[in-house]
PDB file of N, CA and C in Angstrom:
ATOM      1  N   MET A   1     -66.387  16.993 311.500  1.00  0.00           N
ATOM      2  CA  MET A   1     -67.949  16.962 311.343  1.00  0.00           C
ATOM      3  C   MET A   1     -68.867  17.838 311.539  1.00  0.00           C
ATOM      4  N   LEU A   2     -69.478  17.187 310.931  1.00  0.00           N
ATOM      5  CA  LEU A   2     -70.872  18.772 309.989  1.00  0.00           C
ATOM      6  C   LEU A   2     -71.786  18.789 311.107  1.00  0.00           C
ATOM      7  N   GLU A   3     -72.392  20.062 311.604  1.00  0.00           N
ATOM      8  CA  GLU A   3     -73.208  20.688 312.341  1.00  0.00           C
ATOM      9  C   GLU A   3     -74.719  21.236 313.047  1.00  0.00           C
ATOM     10  N   VAL A   4     -75.191  20.727 313.156  1.00  0.00           N
ATOM     11  CA  VAL A   4     -76.474  21.784 312.224  1.00  0.00           C
ATOM     12  C   VAL A   4     -76.893  21.983 313.380  1.00  0.00           C
ATOM     13  N   LYS A   5     -77.711  22.870 314.145  1.00  0.00           N
ATOM     14  CA  LYS A   5     -78.772  22.996 315.111  1.00  0.00           C
ATOM     15  C   LYS A   5     -79.805  23.433 314.625  1.00  0.00           C
ATOM     16  N   ARG A   6     -80.945  23.190 315.746  1.00  0.00           N
ATOM     17  CA  ARG A   6     -82.228  23.250 315.709  1.00  0.00           C
ATOM     18  C   ARG A   6     -82.626  24.924 315.349  1.00  0.00           C
ATOM     19  N   LYS A   7     -83.054  25.598 314.843  1.00  0.00           N
ATOM     20  CA  LYS A   7     -83.204  27.022 315.113  1.00  0.00           C
ATOM     21  C   LYS A   7     -84.656  26.704 315.395  1.00  0.00           C
ATOM     22  N   GLY A   8     -85.070  27.720 316.728  1.00  0.00           N
ATOM     23  CA  GLY A   8     -86.395  28.399 317.219  1.00  0.00           C
ATOM     24  C   GLY A   8     -87.566  28.145 316.296  1.00  0.00           C
ATOM     25  N   GLY A   9     -88.250  27.325 316.622  1.00  0.00           N
ATOM     26  CA  GLY A   9     -89.431  27.008 315.701  1.00  0.00           C
ATOM     27  C   GLY A   9     -89.248  26.557 314.439  1.00  0.00           C
ATOM     28  N   GLU A  10     -88.299  25.717 314.194  1.00  0.00           N
ATOM     29  CA  GLU A  10     -88.216  25.124 313.190  1.00  0.00           C
ATOM     30  C   GLU A  10     -88.173  23.451 312.398  1.00  0.00           C
ATOM     31  N   SER A  11     -88.939  23.631 311.637  1.00  0.00           N
ATOM     32  CA  SER A  11     -89.684  22.492 311.848  1.00  0.00           C
ATOM     33  C   SER A  11     -88.293  20.715 311.795  1.00  0.00           C
ATOM     34  N   PHE A  12     -88.225  19.913 311.900  1.00  0.00           N
ATOM     35  CA  PHE A  12     -87.827  18.751 311.647  1.00  0.00           C
ATOM     36  C   PHE A  12     -87.782  18.282 310.837  1.00  0.00           C
ATOM     37  N   GLU A  13     -87.955  18.754 309.255  1.00  0.00           N
ATOM     38  CA  GLU A  13     -88.238  18.415 308.115  1.00  0.00           C
ATOM     39  C   GLU A  13     -87.160  19.262 307.477  1.00  0.00           C
ATOM     40  N   ALA A  14     -86.843  20.688 308.194  1.00  0.00           N
ATOM     41  CA  ALA A  14     -86.232  21.808 307.583  1.00  0.00           C
ATOM     42  C   ALA A  14     -85.359  21.533 308.449  1.00  0.00           C
ATOM     43  N   LEU A  15     -85.434  20.843 308.905  1.00  0.00           N
ATOM     44  CA  LEU A  15     -83.667  21.368 309.716  1.00  0.00           C
ATOM     45  C   LEU A  15     -83.343  19.407 309.119  1.00  0.00           C
ATOM     46  N   ILE A  16     -84.026  18.664 308.683  1.00  0.00           N
ATOM     47  CA  ILE A  16     -82.997  17.667 308.371  1.00  0.00           C
ATOM     48  C   ILE A  16     -82.840  18.061 306.616  1.00  0.00           C
ATOM     49  N   ARG A  17     -83.827  18.367 306.289  1.00  0.00           N
ATOM     50  CA  ARG A  17     -83.199  19.472 304.662  1.00  0.00           C
ATOM     51  C   ARG A  17     -81.950  20.271 304.483  1.00  0.00           C
ATOM     52  N   ARG A  18     -81.886  20.942 305.524  1.00  0.00           N
ATOM     53  CA  ARG A  18     -80.453  22.276 305.632  1.00  0.00           C
ATOM     54  C   ARG A  18     -79.651  21.008 306.373  1.00  0.00           C
ATOM     55  N   PHE A  19     -79.439  19.898 306.729  1.00  0.00           N
ATOM     56  CA  PHE A  19     -78.022  18.915 307.107  1.00  0.00           C
ATOM     57  C   PHE A  19     -78.055  19.033 305.488  1.00  0.00           C
ATOM     58  N   THR A  20     -78.988  17.567 305.166  1.00  0.00           N
ATOM     59  CA  THR A  20     -78.839  17.529 304.311  1.00  0.00           C
ATOM     60  C   THR A  20     -77.659  17.996 302.688  1.00  0.00           C
ATOM     61  N   LYS A  21     -78.175  19.327 303.032  1.00  0.00           N
ATOM     62  CA  LYS A  21     -77.763  20.120 302.209  1.00  0.00           C
ATOM     63  C   LYS A  21     -76.543  20.428 302.805  1.00  0.00           C
ATOM     64  N   LYS A  22     -76.120  20.321 303.718  1.00  0.00           N
ATOM     65  CA  LYS A  22     -74.948  20.599 304.171  1.00  0.00           C
ATOM     66  C   LYS A  22     -74.469  20.273 303.228  1.00  0.00           C
ATOM     67  N   THR A  23     -74.617  18.166 303.909  1.00  0.00           N
ATOM     68  CA  THR A  23     -73.505  17.541 304.040  1.00  0.00           C
ATOM     69  C   THR A  23     -72.684  17.414 302.068  1.00  0.00           C
ATOM     70  N   ILE A  24     -73.897  17.756 301.407  1.00  0.00           N
ATOM     71  CA  ILE A  24     -73.887  17.372 299.945  1.00  0.00           C
ATOM     72  C   ILE A  24     -72.552  18.434 299.074  1.00  0.00           C
ATOM     73  N   GLN A  25     -73.071  20.358 300.054  1.00  0.00           N
ATOM     74  CA  GLN A  25     -72.501  20.790 299.909  1.00  0.00           C
ATOM     75  C   GLN A  25     -70.471  20.122 300.456  1.00  0.00           C
ATOM     76  N   SER A  26     -70.554  19.993 300.977  1.00  0.00           N
ATOM     77  CA  SER A  26     -69.088  19.592 301.833  1.00  0.00           C
ATOM     78  C   SER A  26     -68.350  18.640 300.972  1.00  0.00           C
ATOM     79  N   GLY A  27     -68.736  17.805 300.432  1.00  0.00           N
ATOM     80  CA  GLY A  27     -68.855  16.259 299.878  1.00  0.00           C
ATOM     81  C   GLY A  27     -68.038  14.820 300.540  1.00  0.00           C
ATOM     82  N   LYS A  28     -69.096  14.822 301.717  1.00  0.00           N
ATOM     83  CA  LYS A  28     -68.832  14.169 302.857  1.00  0.00           C
ATOM     84  C   LYS A  28     -69.251  12.912 302.124  1.00  0.00           C
ATOM     85  N   ILE A  29     -70.462  12.896 301.097  1.00  0.00           N
ATOM     86  CA  ILE A  29     -71.294  11.985 300.555  1.00  0.00           C
ATOM     87  C   ILE A  29     -70.425  11.714 299.401  1.00  0.00           C
ATOM     88  N   LEU A  30     -69.512  12.097 298.920  1.00  0.00           N
ATOM     89  CA  LEU A  30     -68.683  12.224 296.968  1.00  0.00           C
ATOM     90  C   LEU A  30     -67.881  11.107 297.274  1.00  0.00           C
ATOM     91  N   GLN A  31     -67.730  11.873 299.293  1.00  0.00           N
ATOM     92  CA  GLN A  31     -66.028  11.511 299.054  1.00  0.00           C
ATOM     93  C   GLN A  31     -65.987   9.659 300.140  1.00  0.00           C
ATOM     94  N   ALA A  32     -67.233   9.997 300.388  1.00  0.00           N
ATOM     95  CA  ALA A  32     -67.575   7.799 301.478  1.00  0.00           C
ATOM     96  C   ALA A  32     -67.986   7.864 300.023  1.00  0.00           C
ATOM     97  N   LYS A  33     -68.319   7.450 298.715  1.00  0.00           N
ATOM     98  CA  LYS A  33     -68.563   7.342 297.863  1.00  0.00           C
ATOM     99  C   LYS A  33     -67.556   6.437 296.777  1.00  0.00           C
ATOM    100  N   LYS A  34     -66.541   7.130 297.232  1.00  0.00           N
ATOM    101  CA  LYS A  34     -65.224   7.670 296.417  1.00  0.00           C
ATOM    102  C   LYS A  34     -64.575   6.720 297.231  1.00  0.00           C
ATOM    103  N   VAL A  35     -64.520   5.785 298.571  1.00  0.00           N
ATOM    104  CA  VAL A  35     -63.467   5.175 298.817  1.00  0.00           C
ATOM    105  C   VAL A  35     -64.104   4.023 299.249  1.00  0.00           C
ATOM    106  N   ARG A  36     -65.556   3.896 299.214  1.00  0.00           N
ATOM    107  CA  ARG A  36     -66.246   2.292 299.482  1.00  0.00           C
ATOM    108  C   ARG A  36     -65.634   1.104 299.339  1.00  0.00           C
ATOM    109  N   PHE A  37     -65.359   1.441 298.061  1.00  0.00           N
ATOM    110  CA  PHE A  37     -64.733  -0.037 297.617  1.00  0.00           C
ATOM    111  C   PHE A  37     -62.952  -0.070 297.541  1.00  0.00           C
ATOM    112  N   TYR A  38     -62.761  -0.109 297.327  1.00  0.00           N
ATOM    113  CA  TYR A  38     -61.163  -0.448 298.218  1.00  0.00           C
ATOM    114  C   TYR A  38     -60.578  -1.113 296.187  1.00  0.00           C
ATOM    115  N   GLY A  39     -60.279  -0.665 295.251  1.00  0.00           N
ATOM    116  CA  GLY A  39     -59.344  -0.568 293.842  1.00  0.00           C
ATOM    117  C   GLY A  39     -57.951  -0.390 293.351  1.00  0.00           C
ATOM    118  N   LYS A  40     -57.720  -2.381 293.895  1.00  0.00           N
ATOM    119  CA  LYS A  40     -55.914  -2.235 293.794  1.00  0.00           C
ATOM    120  C   LYS A  40     -55.264  -1.269 292.165  1.00  0.00           C
ATOM    121  N   LYS A  41     -53.931  -1.315 292.287  1.00  0.00           N
ATOM    122  CA  LYS A  41     -53.711  -0.418 291.178  1.00  0.00           C
ATOM    123  C   LYS A  41     -53.412  -1.313 289.701  1.00  0.00           C
ATOM    124  N   LYS A  42     -53.082  -1.314 289.250  1.00  0.00           N
ATOM    125  CA  LYS A  42     -52.820  -2.080 288.340  1.00  0.00           C
ATOM    126  C   LYS A  42     -51.373  -1.948 288.083  1.00  0.00           C
ATOM    127  N   THR A  43     -50.838  -3.219 287.831  1.00  0.00           N
ATOM    128  CA  THR A  43     -49.463  -2.725 287.472  1.00  0.00           C
ATOM    129  C   THR A  43     -48.557  -2.036 286.412  1.00  0.00           C
ATOM    130  N   LYS A  44     -47.493  -2.025 285.711  1.00  0.00           N
ATOM    131  CA  LYS A  44     -46.821  -1.567 285.021  1.00  0.00           C
ATOM    132  C   LYS A  44     -46.960  -2.105 284.012  1.00  0.00           C
ATOM    133  N   ARG A  45     -47.324  -4.203 283.750  1.00  0.00           N
ATOM    134  CA  ARG A  45     -47.560  -4.363 282.707  1.00  0.00           C
ATOM    135  C   ARG A  45     -48.853  -5.230 282.316  1.00  0.00           C
ATOM    136  N   GLU A  46     -49.925  -4.609 282.870  1.00  0.00           N
ATOM    137  CA  GLU A  46     -51.017  -4.923 283.298  1.00  0.00           C
ATOM    138  C   GLU A  46     -51.395  -2.937 282.574  1.00  0.00           C
ATOM    139  N   LEU A  47     -50.962  -2.305 282.868  1.00  0.00           N
ATOM    140  CA  LEU A  47     -51.522  -0.790 282.100  1.00  0.00           C
ATOM    141  C   LEU A  47     -50.861  -0.744 280.915  1.00  0.00           C
ATOM    142  N   LYS A  48     -49.451  -1.743 280.371  1.00  0.00           N
ATOM    143  CA  LYS A  48     -49.248  -1.605 279.304  1.00  0.00           C
ATOM    144  C   LYS A  48     -49.736  -2.673 278.309  1.00  0.00           C
ATOM    145  N   GLU A  49     -50.190  -4.031 279.272  1.00  0.00           N
ATOM    146  CA  GLU A  49     -51.543  -4.424 277.765  1.00  0.00           C
ATOM    147  C   GLU A  49     -52.359  -3.839 277.810  1.00  0.00           C
ATOM    148  N   SER A  50     -53.351  -3.019 278.102  1.00  0.00           N
ATOM    149  CA  SER A  50     -54.724  -2.821 278.168  1.00  0.00           C
ATOM    150  C   SER A  50     -54.443  -1.769 277.153  1.00  0.00           C
ATOM    151  N   ALA A  51     -53.535  -1.231 277.345  1.00  0.00           N
ATOM    152  CA  ALA A  51     -53.077   0.744 276.033  1.00  0.00           C
ATOM    153  C   ALA A  51     -52.753  -0.526 275.102  1.00  0.00           C
ATOM    154  N   LEU A  52     -52.235  -1.026 274.640  1.00  0.00           N
ATOM    155  CA  LEU A  52     -51.902  -2.189 273.379  1.00  0.00           C
ATOM    156  C   LEU A  52     -53.040  -3.088 272.892  1.00  0.00           C
ATOM    157  N   ARG A  53     -53.724  -2.878 274.030  1.00  0.00           N
ATOM    158  CA  ARG A  53     -54.786  -4.252 273.705  1.00  0.00           C
ATOM    159  C   ARG A  53     -55.684  -3.129 272.812  1.00  0.00           C
ATOM    160  N   ARG A  54     -56.023  -1.744 274.057  1.00  0.00           N
ATOM    161  CA  ARG A  54     -56.643  -0.706 273.239  1.00  0.00           C
ATOM    162  C   ARG A  54     -56.110  -0.339 271.754  1.00  0.00           C
ATOM    163  N   ASN A  55     -55.025  -0.052 271.831  1.00  0.00           N
ATOM    164  CA  ASN A  55     -53.924  -0.038 270.034  1.00  0.00           C
ATOM    165  C   ASN A  55     -54.975  -0.696 269.176  1.00  0.00           C
ATOM    166  N   LYS A  56     -54.588  -1.796 269.528  1.00  0.00           N
ATOM    167  CA  LYS A  56     -54.997  -3.078 267.946  1.00  0.00           C
ATOM    168  C   LYS A  56     -56.644  -3.583 267.925  1.00  0.00           C
ATOM    169  N   LEU A  57     -57.118  -2.761 268.629  1.00  0.00           N
ATOM    170  CA  LEU A  57     -58.611  -2.250 268.141  1.00  0.00           C
ATOM    171  C   LEU A  57     -59.046  -1.497 267.772  1.00  0.00           C
ATOM    172  N   THR A  58     -58.379  -0.223 268.240  1.00  0.00           N
ATOM    173  CA  THR A  58     -58.578   1.016 267.515  1.00  0.00           C
ATOM    174  C   THR A  58     -57.753   0.810 265.880  1.00  0.00           C
ATOM    175  N   ASN A  59     -56.687   0.144 265.402  1.00  0.00           N
ATOM    176  CA  ASN A  59     -56.666  -0.578 264.822  1.00  0.00           C
ATOM    177  C   ASN A  59     -57.032  -1.135 263.363  1.00  0.00           C
ATOM    178  N   LYS A  60     -57.967  -2.767 264.530  1.00  0.00           N
ATOM    179  CA  LYS A  60     -58.730  -3.178 263.342  1.00  0.00           C
ATOM    180  C   LYS A  60     -59.357  -2.533 262.869  1.00  0.00           C
ATOM    181  N   ILE A  61     -60.537  -1.386 263.336  1.00  0.00           N
ATOM    182  CA  ILE A  61     -61.562  -1.017 263.479  1.00  0.00           C
ATOM    183  C   ILE A  61     -61.316   0.531 262.572  1.00  0.00           C
ATOM    184  N   ASP A  62     -60.118   0.806 262.258  1.00  0.00           N
ATOM    185  CA  ASP A  62     -59.875   1.506 260.817  1.00  0.00           C
ATOM    186  C   ASP A  62     -59.422   0.449 259.846  1.00  0.00           C
ATOM    187  N   TYR A  63     -59.034  -0.477 259.696  1.00  0.00           N
ATOM    188  CA  TYR A  63     -58.309  -0.907 258.999  1.00  0.00           C
ATOM    189  C   TYR A  63     -60.088  -1.630 257.978  1.00  0.00           C
ATOM    190  N   LEU A  64     -60.962  -1.716 258.653  1.00  0.00           N
ATOM    191  CA  LEU A  64     -62.247  -2.325 258.575  1.00  0.00           C
ATOM    192  C   LEU A  64     -63.064  -1.637 257.704  1.00  0.00           C
ATOM    193  N   LYS A  65     -63.032   0.379 258.509  1.00  0.00           N
ATOM    194  CA  LYS A  65     -63.762   1.215 258.217  1.00  0.00           C
ATOM    195  C   LYS A  65     -63.094   1.892 256.821  1.00  0.00           C
ATOM    196  N   ARG A  66     -62.200   1.311 256.325  1.00  0.00           N
ATOM    197  CA  ARG A  66     -61.256   2.244 255.105  1.00  0.00           C
ATOM    198  C   ARG A  66     -61.691   0.821 254.447  1.00  0.00           C
ATOM    199  N   LEU A  67     -62.317  -0.017 254.605  1.00  0.00           N
ATOM    200  CA  LEU A  67     -62.444  -1.516 253.243  1.00  0.00           C
ATOM    201  C   LEU A  67     -63.446  -0.991 253.250  1.00  0.00           C
ATOM    202  N   GLY A  68     -64.267  -0.517 254.000  1.00  0.00           N
ATOM    203  CA  GLY A  68     -65.956  -0.608 254.207  1.00  0.00           C
ATOM    204  C   GLY A  68     -66.830  -1.491 254.810  1.00  0.00           C
ATOM    205  N   LYS A  69     -66.153  -2.479 255.855  1.00  0.00           N
ATOM    206  CA  LYS A  69     -67.117  -3.225 256.383  1.00  0.00           C
ATOM    207  C   LYS A  69     -67.601  -2.883 257.111  1.00  0.00           C
ATOM    208  N   LEU A  70     -67.439  -1.959 257.761  1.00  0.00           N
ATOM    209  CA  LEU A  70     -68.430  -1.248 259.063  1.00  0.00           C
ATOM    210  C   LEU A  70     -68.524   0.059 258.505  1.00  0.00           C
ATOM    211  N   ASP A  71     -69.650   0.061 258.946  1.00  0.00           N
ATOM    212  CA  ASP A  71     -70.337   1.396 258.438  1.00  0.00           C
ATOM    213  C   ASP A  71     -70.948   2.241 260.086  1.00  0.00           C
ATOM    214  N   GLU A  72     -71.318   2.970 260.065  1.00  0.00           N
ATOM    215  CA  GLU A  72     -71.083   4.548 261.138  1.00  0.00           C
ATOM    216  C   GLU A  72     -72.185   3.786 262.256  1.00  0.00           C
ATOM    217  N   PHE A  73     -72.909   3.034 261.470  1.00  0.00           N
ATOM    218  CA  PHE A  73     -74.546   3.042 262.506  1.00  0.00           C
ATOM    219  C   PHE A  73     -73.486   1.597 263.592  1.00  0.00           C
ATOM    220  N   THR A  74     -72.846   0.748 262.720  1.00  0.00           N
ATOM    221  CA  THR A  74     -72.136  -0.380 263.927  1.00  0.00           C
ATOM    222  C   THR A  74     -71.225   0.348 264.515  1.00  0.00           C
ATOM    223  N   LEU A  75     -70.706   1.042 263.748  1.00  0.00           N
ATOM    224  CA  LEU A  75     -69.254   2.234 264.820  1.00  0.00           C
ATOM    225  C   LEU A  75     -69.517   2.700 266.620  1.00  0.00           C
ATOM    226  N   SER A  76     -71.318   3.131 266.131  1.00  0.00           N
ATOM    227  CA  SER A  76     -72.370   4.027 267.062  1.00  0.00           C
ATOM    228  C   SER A  76     -72.897   3.000 268.200  1.00  0.00           C
ATOM    229  N   LYS A  77     -73.045   1.748 267.442  1.00  0.00           N
ATOM    230  CA  LYS A  77     -73.705   0.606 269.255  1.00  0.00           C
ATOM    231  C   LYS A  77     -73.011   0.067 269.551  1.00  0.00           C
ATOM    232  N   ARG A  78     -71.104  -0.016 269.426  1.00  0.00           N
ATOM    233  CA  ARG A  78     -69.928   0.014 270.073  1.00  0.00           C
ATOM    234  C   ARG A  78     -70.062   0.267 271.616  1.00  0.00           C
ATOM    235  N   GLY A  79     -69.962  -1.467 272.082  1.00  0.00           N
ATOM    236  CA  GLY A  79     -69.408  -1.155 273.379  1.00  0.00           C
ATOM    237  C   GLY A  79     -70.878  -0.698 274.466  1.00  0.00           C
ATOM    238  N   LYS A  80     -71.716  -1.450 273.067  1.00  0.00           N
ATOM    239  CA  LYS A  80     -73.200  -1.488 274.483  1.00  0.00           C
ATOM    240  C   LYS A  80     -74.160  -2.602 274.853  1.00  0.00           C
ATOM    241  N   GLY A  81     -73.633  -3.223 273.661  1.00  0.00           N
ATOM    242  CA  GLY A  81     -73.745  -4.839 273.772  1.00  0.00           C
ATOM    243  C   GLY A  81     -74.134  -5.670 272.410  1.00  0.00           C
ATOM    244  N   ASN A  82     -73.311  -4.907 271.994  1.00  0.00           N
ATOM    245  CA  ASN A  82     -74.565  -5.632 270.652  1.00  0.00           C
ATOM    246  C   ASN A  82     -72.435  -5.508 269.870  1.00  0.00           C
ATOM    247  N   LYS A  83     -73.268  -6.823 269.749  1.00  0.00           N
ATOM    248  CA  LYS A  83     -71.591  -7.756 269.179  1.00  0.00           C
ATOM    249  C   LYS A  83     -71.799  -7.504 266.968  1.00  0.00           C
ATOM    250  N   VAL A  84     -71.027  -6.894 266.606  1.00  0.00           N
ATOM    251  CA  VAL A  84     -69.966  -6.823 265.148  1.00  0.00           C
ATOM    252  C   VAL A  84     -69.990  -8.465 265.065  1.00  0.00           C
ATOM    253  N   ARG A  85     -70.225  -9.018 263.954  1.00  0.00           N
ATOM    254  CA  ARG A  85     -70.402 -10.822 263.340  1.00  0.00           C
ATOM    255  C   ARG A  85     -70.075 -10.369 261.904  1.00  0.00           C
ATOM    256  N   LYS A  86     -68.823 -11.219 261.531  1.00  0.00           N
ATOM    257  CA  LYS A  86     -68.349 -11.350 260.680  1.00  0.00           C
ATOM    258  C   LYS A  86     -68.803 -11.816 259.555  1.00  0.00           C
TER     259      LYS A  86
END
């Protein structure tokens, strides 16, 4: 628990500023944001499937790049909502 006492003659704004600075430095806000939502851990099967999917996609992109069907512009836009159409 953080505790900040008001110093003599200190304004309320300065007290709040000191308190927020202390909470940020202590890492309490980051910790609260991390544990805000509970995310289930993936099972071994799900981890393997996602790794296989990533590997397959990487191989496909490398193959298309070697054929010259993908250019650097298309690759740089990958993952930003732009679909590559055949």
